[in-house]
């Protein structure tokens, strides 16, 4: 996935590990994994925000009861970002 807002440091895309984690988890949870699209918004040199677009039927699966699934996705993604020195945020588009 290519996005003109992504920053490249040498050959490394900022937040690439976090992006891979978000894509892997959301596609694993979705009934329609081919319809998952992750929009990348680089807010600063070391801060990235991911907005997950999914089939409307998969929204409940990605958010979970009381938001527990999306909170878990955020926590795992933040851990992946921390290993790269990047602050990461994740949300699901309406």
N, C-alpha and C. Protein backbone atom coordinates (compact mmCIF):
# COMPACT_ATOMS: atom_id res chain seq x y z
N UNK A 1 0.85 -1.16 0.00
CA UNK A 1 0.00 0.00 0.00
C UNK A 1 0.90 1.23 0.00
N UNK A 2 0.64 2.11 -0.89
CA UNK A 2 1.45 3.31 -0.99
C UNK A 2 0.58 4.51 -0.66
N UNK A 3 1.16 5.42 0.09
CA UNK A 3 0.43 6.63 0.46
C UNK A 3 1.41 7.78 0.37
N UNK A 4 1.01 8.87 -0.27
CA UNK A 4 1.93 9.99 -0.44
C UNK A 4 2.30 10.68 0.86
N UNK A 5 1.56 10.41 1.95
CA UNK A 5 1.87 11.02 3.23
C UNK A 5 2.91 10.25 4.03
N UNK A 6 3.29 9.06 3.55
CA UNK A 6 4.26 8.26 4.28
C UNK A 6 5.65 8.88 4.13
N UNK A 7 6.39 8.84 5.21
CA UNK A 7 7.74 9.37 5.21
C UNK A 7 8.72 8.22 5.11
N UNK A 8 9.74 8.41 4.33
CA UNK A 8 10.73 7.36 4.16
C UNK A 8 12.05 7.84 4.74
N UNK A 9 12.61 7.04 5.63
CA UNK A 9 13.90 7.32 6.23
C UNK A 9 14.86 6.29 5.67
N UNK A 10 15.60 6.66 4.63
CA UNK A 10 16.39 5.67 3.92
C UNK A 10 15.41 4.78 3.17
N UNK A 11 15.42 3.49 3.47
CA UNK A 11 14.46 2.57 2.87
C UNK A 11 13.33 2.23 3.82
N UNK A 12 13.31 2.83 4.98
CA UNK A 12 12.36 2.47 6.03
C UNK A 12 11.17 3.43 6.03
N UNK A 13 9.98 2.87 5.97
CA UNK A 13 8.76 3.67 6.07
C UNK A 13 8.43 3.81 7.55
N UNK A 14 8.18 5.03 8.01
CA UNK A 14 7.88 5.27 9.42
C UNK A 14 6.59 4.54 9.78
N UNK A 15 6.65 3.72 10.82
CA UNK A 15 5.48 2.98 11.28
C UNK A 15 5.15 1.75 10.47
N UNK A 16 6.10 1.25 9.69
CA UNK A 16 5.80 0.10 8.82
C UNK A 16 5.45 -1.15 9.61
N UNK A 17 6.11 -1.38 10.73
CA UNK A 17 5.80 -2.56 11.55
C UNK A 17 4.39 -2.42 12.13
N UNK A 18 4.05 -1.23 12.59
CA UNK A 18 2.71 -0.98 13.14
C UNK A 18 1.65 -1.16 12.06
N UNK A 19 1.92 -0.68 10.87
CA UNK A 19 0.98 -0.84 9.76
C UNK A 19 0.75 -2.31 9.46
N UNK A 20 1.83 -3.08 9.43
CA UNK A 20 1.71 -4.52 9.18
C UNK A 20 0.87 -5.19 10.26
N UNK A 21 1.04 -4.78 11.51
CA UNK A 21 0.27 -5.35 12.62
C UNK A 21 -1.22 -5.02 12.47
N UNK A 22 -1.53 -3.77 12.17
CA UNK A 22 -2.93 -3.36 12.01
C UNK A 22 -3.58 -4.13 10.86
N UNK A 23 -2.89 -4.20 9.73
CA UNK A 23 -3.44 -4.91 8.58
C UNK A 23 -3.65 -6.38 8.89
N UNK A 24 -2.69 -7.02 9.51
CA UNK A 24 -2.78 -8.44 9.82
C UNK A 24 -3.95 -8.73 10.77
N UNK A 25 -4.05 -7.98 11.86
CA UNK A 25 -5.09 -8.23 12.85
C UNK A 25 -6.48 -7.96 12.27
N UNK A 26 -6.65 -6.81 11.61
CA UNK A 26 -7.98 -6.47 11.10
C UNK A 26 -8.43 -7.43 10.01
N UNK A 27 -7.51 -7.84 9.14
CA UNK A 27 -7.88 -8.79 8.09
C UNK A 27 -8.18 -10.17 8.67
N UNK A 28 -7.51 -10.52 9.75
CA UNK A 28 -7.77 -11.81 10.41
C UNK A 28 -9.15 -11.83 11.06
N UNK A 29 -9.59 -10.70 11.56
CA UNK A 29 -10.88 -10.62 12.25
C UNK A 29 -12.06 -10.47 11.29
N UNK A 30 -11.83 -9.89 10.13
CA UNK A 30 -12.92 -9.54 9.21
C UNK A 30 -13.44 -10.75 8.42
N UNK A 31 -14.74 -10.74 8.16
CA UNK A 31 -15.34 -11.73 7.26
C UNK A 31 -14.98 -11.42 5.81
N UNK A 32 -14.77 -10.16 5.52
CA UNK A 32 -14.40 -9.70 4.17
C UNK A 32 -13.00 -9.05 4.22
N UNK A 33 -11.94 -9.85 4.37
CA UNK A 33 -10.60 -9.27 4.55
C UNK A 33 -10.09 -8.45 3.37
N UNK A 34 -10.60 -8.74 2.17
CA UNK A 34 -10.16 -7.98 1.00
C UNK A 34 -10.70 -6.56 1.00
N UNK A 35 -11.70 -6.29 1.81
CA UNK A 35 -12.28 -4.95 1.87
C UNK A 35 -11.66 -4.08 2.96
N UNK A 36 -10.67 -4.61 3.66
CA UNK A 36 -9.97 -3.82 4.68
C UNK A 36 -8.98 -2.91 3.96
N UNK A 37 -9.04 -1.63 4.31
CA UNK A 37 -8.09 -0.65 3.78
C UNK A 37 -7.63 0.22 4.95
N UNK A 38 -6.34 0.36 5.10
CA UNK A 38 -5.79 1.15 6.20
C UNK A 38 -5.21 2.43 5.64
N UNK A 39 -5.78 3.55 6.06
CA UNK A 39 -5.32 4.87 5.64
C UNK A 39 -4.25 5.33 6.64
N UNK A 40 -3.12 5.80 6.12
CA UNK A 40 -2.01 6.22 6.96
C UNK A 40 -1.93 7.74 6.97
N UNK A 41 -1.87 8.30 8.18
CA UNK A 41 -1.75 9.75 8.34
C UNK A 41 -0.55 10.01 9.24
N UNK A 42 0.52 10.48 8.64
CA UNK A 42 1.72 10.80 9.43
C UNK A 42 1.55 12.19 10.00
N UNK A 43 1.49 12.27 11.32
CA UNK A 43 1.22 13.56 11.97
C UNK A 43 2.49 14.30 12.35
N UNK A 44 3.54 13.57 12.58
CA UNK A 44 4.84 14.15 12.91
C UNK A 44 5.90 13.13 12.49
N UNK A 45 7.14 13.50 12.68
CA UNK A 45 8.23 12.60 12.29
C UNK A 45 8.16 11.25 13.00
N UNK A 46 7.66 11.26 14.23
CA UNK A 46 7.61 10.03 15.01
C UNK A 46 6.19 9.71 15.49
N UNK A 47 5.18 10.16 14.74
CA UNK A 47 3.79 9.92 15.13
C UNK A 47 2.97 9.57 13.89
N UNK A 48 2.26 8.44 13.96
CA UNK A 48 1.47 7.94 12.83
C UNK A 48 0.08 7.57 13.32
N UNK A 49 -0.93 7.85 12.50
CA UNK A 49 -2.31 7.48 12.83
C UNK A 49 -2.86 6.62 11.71
N UNK A 50 -3.50 5.52 12.07
CA UNK A 50 -4.09 4.61 11.09
C UNK A 50 -5.60 4.65 11.21
N UNK A 51 -6.28 4.82 10.08
CA UNK A 51 -7.72 4.79 10.03
C UNK A 51 -8.12 3.58 9.20
N UNK A 52 -8.81 2.64 9.83
CA UNK A 52 -9.18 1.39 9.19
C UNK A 52 -10.56 1.53 8.56
N UNK A 53 -10.63 1.28 7.25
CA UNK A 53 -11.89 1.26 6.52
C UNK A 53 -12.23 -0.21 6.28
N UNK A 54 -13.48 -0.59 6.61
CA UNK A 54 -13.89 -1.98 6.47
C UNK A 54 -15.32 -2.06 5.94
N UNK A 55 -15.71 -3.24 5.53
CA UNK A 55 -17.07 -3.53 5.14
C UNK A 55 -17.96 -3.22 6.34
N UNK A 56 -19.12 -2.59 6.14
CA UNK A 56 -20.00 -2.27 7.27
C UNK A 56 -20.36 -3.49 8.13
N UNK A 57 -20.42 -4.66 7.52
CA UNK A 57 -20.72 -5.86 8.27
C UNK A 57 -19.61 -6.28 9.22
N UNK A 58 -18.39 -5.80 8.98
CA UNK A 58 -17.24 -6.15 9.82
C UNK A 58 -16.98 -5.13 10.92
N UNK A 59 -17.67 -4.01 10.91
CA UNK A 59 -17.41 -2.96 11.88
C UNK A 59 -17.57 -3.45 13.31
N UNK A 60 -18.64 -4.18 13.58
CA UNK A 60 -18.88 -4.69 14.92
C UNK A 60 -17.79 -5.64 15.38
N UNK A 61 -17.28 -6.46 14.46
CA UNK A 61 -16.21 -7.39 14.80
C UNK A 61 -14.93 -6.64 15.16
N UNK A 62 -14.66 -5.54 14.46
CA UNK A 62 -13.43 -4.78 14.71
C UNK A 62 -13.52 -3.93 15.97
N UNK A 63 -14.71 -3.47 16.29
CA UNK A 63 -14.88 -2.63 17.48
C UNK A 63 -15.08 -3.50 18.72
N UNK A 64 -15.92 -4.52 18.62
CA UNK A 64 -16.16 -5.42 19.74
C UNK A 64 -17.11 -4.85 20.76
N UNK A 65 -17.52 -5.68 21.67
CA UNK A 65 -18.42 -5.24 22.73
C UNK A 65 -17.70 -4.26 23.64
N UNK A 66 -18.37 -3.14 23.85
CA UNK A 66 -17.81 -2.06 24.67
C UNK A 66 -16.44 -1.59 24.18
N UNK A 67 -16.15 -1.80 22.90
CA UNK A 67 -14.90 -1.33 22.32
C UNK A 67 -13.66 -2.11 22.71
N UNK A 68 -13.86 -3.31 23.22
CA UNK A 68 -12.72 -4.08 23.73
C UNK A 68 -11.78 -4.54 22.62
N UNK A 69 -12.31 -4.90 21.47
CA UNK A 69 -11.45 -5.39 20.38
C UNK A 69 -10.58 -4.26 19.83
N UNK A 70 -11.19 -3.10 19.56
CA UNK A 70 -10.39 -1.99 19.04
C UNK A 70 -9.37 -1.52 20.07
N UNK A 71 -9.70 -1.59 21.35
CA UNK A 71 -8.74 -1.22 22.39
C UNK A 71 -7.55 -2.19 22.37
N UNK A 72 -7.82 -3.48 22.18
CA UNK A 72 -6.74 -4.46 22.11
C UNK A 72 -5.88 -4.24 20.87
N UNK A 73 -6.52 -3.91 19.75
CA UNK A 73 -5.77 -3.63 18.52
C UNK A 73 -4.87 -2.41 18.74
N UNK A 74 -5.41 -1.38 19.39
CA UNK A 74 -4.62 -0.18 19.68
C UNK A 74 -3.42 -0.51 20.56
N UNK A 75 -3.63 -1.34 21.57
CA UNK A 75 -2.55 -1.66 22.50
C UNK A 75 -1.43 -2.44 21.81
N UNK A 76 -1.78 -3.42 21.01
CA UNK A 76 -0.77 -4.21 20.30
C UNK A 76 -0.04 -3.34 19.28
N UNK A 77 -0.79 -2.47 18.61
CA UNK A 77 -0.18 -1.58 17.61
C UNK A 77 0.75 -0.57 18.27
N UNK A 78 0.35 -0.04 19.43
CA UNK A 78 1.25 0.88 20.16
C UNK A 78 2.54 0.18 20.55
N UNK A 79 2.45 -1.08 20.96
CA UNK A 79 3.65 -1.84 21.32
C UNK A 79 4.55 -2.02 20.10
N UNK A 80 3.97 -2.31 18.95
CA UNK A 80 4.76 -2.43 17.71
C UNK A 80 5.41 -1.10 17.36
N UNK A 81 4.68 -0.01 17.53
CA UNK A 81 5.22 1.32 17.25
C UNK A 81 6.33 1.69 18.21
N UNK A 82 6.17 1.32 19.48
CA UNK A 82 7.19 1.63 20.48
C UNK A 82 8.51 0.94 20.15
N UNK A 83 8.43 -0.23 19.55
CA UNK A 83 9.67 -0.93 19.18
C UNK A 83 10.40 -0.20 18.06
N UNK A 84 9.68 0.67 17.34
CA UNK A 84 10.28 1.48 16.28
C UNK A 84 10.52 2.92 16.72
N UNK A 85 10.08 3.25 17.93
CA UNK A 85 10.20 4.62 18.41
C UNK A 85 9.16 5.54 17.82
N UNK A 86 7.99 5.00 17.49
CA UNK A 86 6.92 5.76 16.85
C UNK A 86 5.67 5.70 17.72
N UNK A 87 5.01 6.85 17.91
CA UNK A 87 3.72 6.89 18.59
C UNK A 87 2.64 6.58 17.56
N UNK A 88 1.72 5.68 17.93
CA UNK A 88 0.74 5.19 16.97
C UNK A 88 -0.66 5.33 17.52
N UNK A 89 -1.59 5.71 16.65
CA UNK A 89 -3.01 5.74 17.00
C UNK A 89 -3.78 4.96 15.94
N UNK A 90 -4.88 4.33 16.35
CA UNK A 90 -5.70 3.53 15.45
C UNK A 90 -7.16 3.83 15.72
N UNK A 91 -7.95 3.94 14.64
CA UNK A 91 -9.40 4.09 14.77
C UNK A 91 -10.05 3.41 13.59
N UNK A 92 -11.35 3.12 13.73
CA UNK A 92 -12.13 2.49 12.66
C UNK A 92 -13.05 3.55 12.09
N UNK A 93 -13.06 3.69 10.75
CA UNK A 93 -13.90 4.69 10.09
C UNK A 93 -15.36 4.27 10.12
N UNK A 94 -16.24 5.23 10.27
CA UNK A 94 -17.69 4.95 10.27
C UNK A 94 -18.18 4.63 8.89
